[in-house]
Amino acid sequence: MIKKNELEELFKKLEIPFNEGIQYMNDNNAPKRIVFFESVWEPLTASGNEYDTNVTYQVSFFSDIPRDEKLLKLKGLLALKKIYPVIYHEYLEAKRTWHSYFNVEVLENLNLDNLNE
């Protein structure tokens, strides 16, 4: 498992636009782009305070071609971190673009200890 900042560093290495949570960003028409968002929070009840949650992110990679070289590079960068996601693909005919997507688990601290009862 990796931390969120490590995941974002992998995206930066691709040198393409990426954004968290918002599908329609300034670079929405870029031929290659990544949008990622959290979809699951799994509490780590046996952990210390450093990380309290396993957060699952969906990573969506958009490209004008299938098997994009940047997607293959991202797959390789994840493998170097011992992360091997199942990657799904679909063609979005209305937008004439390929959408490849997968889930990745990330360690995060949601600061639950700071809540008052």
Protein backbone atom coordinates (compact mmCIF):
# COMPACT_ATOMS: atom_id res chain seq x y z
CA MET A 1 0.00 0.00 0.00
CA ILE A 2 1.14 3.55 -0.63
CA LYS A 3 0.36 6.97 0.77
CA LYS A 4 -1.63 9.60 -1.11
CA ASN A 5 1.35 11.86 -1.75
CA GLU A 6 3.21 8.89 -3.28
CA LEU A 7 0.28 8.23 -5.63
CA GLU A 8 0.27 11.88 -6.71
CA GLU A 9 4.04 11.72 -7.29
CA LEU A 10 3.48 8.82 -9.70
CA PHE A 11 0.94 10.94 -11.60
CA LYS A 12 3.43 13.82 -11.80
CA LYS A 13 6.00 11.53 -13.42
CA LEU A 14 3.61 11.03 -16.35
CA GLU A 15 3.70 14.77 -17.17
CA ILE A 16 0.00 14.92 -18.02
CA PRO A 17 -2.85 16.81 -16.31
CA PHE A 18 -4.41 15.15 -13.26
CA ASN A 19 -7.05 16.26 -10.81
CA GLU A 20 -8.70 14.89 -7.70
CA GLY A 21 -12.45 14.56 -7.61
CA ILE A 22 -13.54 16.86 -10.42
CA GLN A 23 -14.12 15.33 -13.82
CA TYR A 24 -14.51 18.63 -15.65
CA MET A 25 -11.33 20.56 -15.08
CA ASN A 26 -9.48 23.15 -17.15
CA ASP A 27 -7.67 20.39 -19.03
CA ASN A 28 -10.82 18.36 -19.69
CA ASN A 29 -10.12 18.30 -23.43
CA ALA A 30 -6.48 17.27 -23.02
CA PRO A 31 -5.84 14.13 -25.07
CA LYS A 32 -4.44 12.43 -21.94
CA ARG A 33 -5.52 13.13 -18.37
CA ILE A 34 -6.19 11.50 -14.99
CA VAL A 35 -9.08 12.06 -12.63
CA PHE A 36 -9.06 10.25 -9.28
CA PHE A 37 -11.50 10.17 -6.38
CA GLU A 38 -12.02 8.26 -3.15
CA SER A 39 -14.73 5.63 -3.19
CA VAL A 40 -14.25 3.58 0.01
CA TRP A 41 -13.06 4.29 3.56
CA GLU A 42 -12.00 1.20 5.47
CA PRO A 43 -11.07 1.80 9.12
CA LEU A 44 -7.79 0.32 10.32
CA THR A 45 -8.89 -0.50 13.85
CA ALA A 46 -5.66 -2.24 14.84
CA SER A 47 -3.40 0.56 13.65
CA GLY A 48 -1.73 3.33 15.58
CA ASN A 49 -2.58 6.98 15.06
CA GLU A 50 -0.27 7.54 12.09
CA TYR A 51 -2.72 6.00 9.61
CA ASP A 52 -6.29 5.22 10.59
CA THR A 53 -7.93 4.50 7.25
CA ASN A 54 -7.37 2.48 4.10
CA VAL A 55 -8.86 4.72 1.39
CA THR A 56 -9.70 3.19 -1.98
CA TYR A 57 -9.35 5.59 -4.90
CA GLN A 58 -10.70 5.07 -8.38
CA VAL A 59 -8.17 6.28 -10.91
CA SER A 60 -9.58 7.17 -14.33
CA PHE A 61 -7.16 7.58 -17.23
CA PHE A 62 -8.53 9.22 -20.39
CA SER A 63 -6.77 9.01 -23.74
CA ASP A 64 -7.49 9.37 -27.43
CA ILE A 65 -5.86 5.98 -28.11
CA PRO A 66 -6.07 2.54 -26.48
CA ARG A 67 -2.96 1.21 -24.69
CA ASP A 68 -1.61 4.69 -24.27
CA GLU A 69 2.12 4.82 -23.48
CA LYS A 70 1.47 6.97 -20.38
CA LEU A 71 -1.04 4.41 -19.05
CA LEU A 72 1.52 1.65 -19.59
CA LYS A 73 4.10 3.78 -17.78
CA LEU A 74 1.69 4.28 -14.86
CA LYS A 75 1.08 0.53 -14.73
CA GLY A 76 4.85 0.01 -14.57
CA LEU A 77 5.36 2.66 -11.87
CA LEU A 78 2.66 1.00 -9.75
CA ALA A 79 4.29 -2.40 -10.26
CA LEU A 80 7.57 -0.97 -8.91
CA LYS A 81 5.59 -0.21 -5.73
CA LYS A 82 4.24 -3.80 -5.73
CA ILE A 83 0.76 -2.59 -6.73
CA TYR A 84 -0.92 -4.60 -9.49
CA PRO A 85 -4.44 -3.28 -10.12
CA VAL A 86 -6.92 -4.83 -12.50
CA ILE A 87 -7.39 -2.18 -15.20
CA TYR A 88 -10.71 -1.93 -17.02
CA HIS A 89 -11.21 -0.22 -20.39
CA GLU A 90 -14.13 1.27 -22.24
CA TYR A 91 -14.56 3.42 -25.30
CA LEU A 92 -16.71 6.52 -24.78
CA GLU A 93 -18.15 6.94 -28.25
CA ALA A 94 -19.82 10.31 -27.62
CA LYS A 95 -16.47 11.79 -26.52
CA ARG A 96 -14.33 9.67 -28.86
CA THR A 97 -12.00 8.77 -26.03
CA TRP A 98 -10.74 5.72 -24.18
CA HIS A 99 -11.41 5.46 -20.47
CA SER A 100 -9.21 3.10 -18.48
CA TYR A 101 -9.87 2.82 -14.76
CA PHE A 102 -8.76 0.92 -11.69
CA ASN A 103 -8.79 1.03 -7.90
CA VAL A 104 -5.78 1.60 -5.68
CA GLU A 105 -5.64 1.43 -1.88
CA VAL A 106 -3.96 4.29 -0.06
CA LEU A 107 -3.04 4.71 3.62
CA GLU A 108 -4.40 7.94 5.07
CA ASN A 109 -5.04 9.55 8.41
CA LEU A 110 -8.50 11.11 8.48
CA ASN A 111 -7.71 12.69 11.88
CA LEU A 112 -10.52 10.90 13.65
CA ASP A 113 -8.78 11.33 17.01
CA ASN A 114 -9.37 15.09 16.86
CA LEU A 115 -13.16 14.79 17.06
CA ASN A 116 -15.00 15.81 20.20
CA GLU A 117 -17.83 13.63 21.48
